[in-house]
Amino acid sequence: MKIGEILLRKKLLSSQQLSTLLTEQQSGSRKLGELLLERGIVSETDLVAVLQEQKWRREGFWMIE
């Protein structure tokens, strides 16, 4: 699962915000997480939790929906 999808599911950003950030990300070399922190959309704590969830999901350990 992508970071943006997790953020949307957790209601930490809107689909419009995600769309805007993804467009900006494609035009540069910045990671989505960097843009989220720079804009103050999510806290560092929230971003770490989302990245951890993403890792766990990829490794097949995520069971809570």
Protein backbone atom coordinates (compact mmCIF):
# COMPACT_ATOMS: atom_id res chain seq x y z
CA MET A 1 0.00 0.00 0.00
CA LYS A 2 1.32 3.44 -0.90
CA ILE A 3 1.93 6.14 1.70
CA GLY A 4 -0.76 8.34 0.17
CA GLU A 5 -3.35 5.60 0.47
CA ILE A 6 -2.51 5.06 4.13
CA LEU A 7 -2.69 8.79 4.83
CA LEU A 8 -6.10 8.98 3.15
CA ARG A 9 -7.40 5.98 5.14
CA LYS A 10 -6.22 7.60 8.36
CA LYS A 11 -7.80 10.89 7.25
CA LEU A 12 -4.49 12.71 7.70
CA LEU A 13 -4.87 14.47 4.36
CA SER A 14 -7.52 14.99 1.71
CA SER A 15 -7.53 13.53 -1.77
CA GLN A 16 -7.09 17.06 -3.14
CA GLN A 17 -4.00 17.60 -0.99
CA LEU A 18 -2.60 14.25 -2.12
CA SER A 19 -3.22 15.04 -5.77
CA THR A 20 -1.49 18.41 -5.46
CA LEU A 21 1.49 16.92 -3.64
CA LEU A 22 1.86 14.06 -6.12
CA THR A 23 1.86 16.52 -9.01
CA GLU A 24 4.51 18.58 -7.27
CA GLN A 25 6.52 15.46 -6.44
CA GLN A 26 6.56 14.38 -10.10
CA SER A 27 7.94 17.74 -11.19
CA GLY A 28 10.85 17.55 -8.74
CA SER A 29 13.00 15.08 -6.90
CA ARG A 30 11.40 15.37 -3.46
CA LYS A 31 9.80 12.48 -1.63
CA LEU A 32 6.17 12.69 -0.59
CA GLY A 33 7.10 12.51 3.08
CA GLU A 34 9.43 15.48 2.73
CA LEU A 35 6.69 17.55 1.12
CA LEU A 36 4.18 16.55 3.82
CA LEU A 37 6.53 17.64 6.60
CA GLU A 38 7.62 20.81 4.82
CA ARG A 39 3.99 21.91 4.39
CA GLY A 40 3.06 20.95 7.95
CA ILE A 41 0.33 18.61 6.72
CA VAL A 42 1.45 15.77 8.99
CA SER A 43 3.69 15.62 12.03
CA GLU A 44 6.93 13.70 12.04
CA THR A 45 5.31 11.25 14.46
CA ASP A 46 2.41 10.61 12.07
CA LEU A 47 4.77 10.17 9.12
CA VAL A 48 6.91 7.66 11.03
CA ALA A 49 3.78 5.69 11.96
CA VAL A 50 2.58 5.67 8.35
CA LEU A 51 5.98 4.57 7.06
CA GLN A 52 6.07 1.80 9.66
CA GLU A 53 2.60 0.65 8.66
CA GLN A 54 3.67 0.63 5.02
CA LYS A 55 6.71 -1.52 5.87
CA TRP A 56 4.64 -3.95 7.91
CA ARG A 57 2.05 -4.26 5.16
CA ARG A 58 4.75 -5.01 2.57
CA GLU A 59 6.19 -7.69 4.85
CA GLY A 60 2.76 -9.22 5.44
CA PHE A 61 2.55 -8.36 9.14
CA TRP A 62 -0.31 -5.85 9.05
CA MET A 63 -3.55 -7.42 10.28
CA ILE A 64 -5.62 -4.47 11.57
CA GLU A 65 -7.97 -2.74 9.13
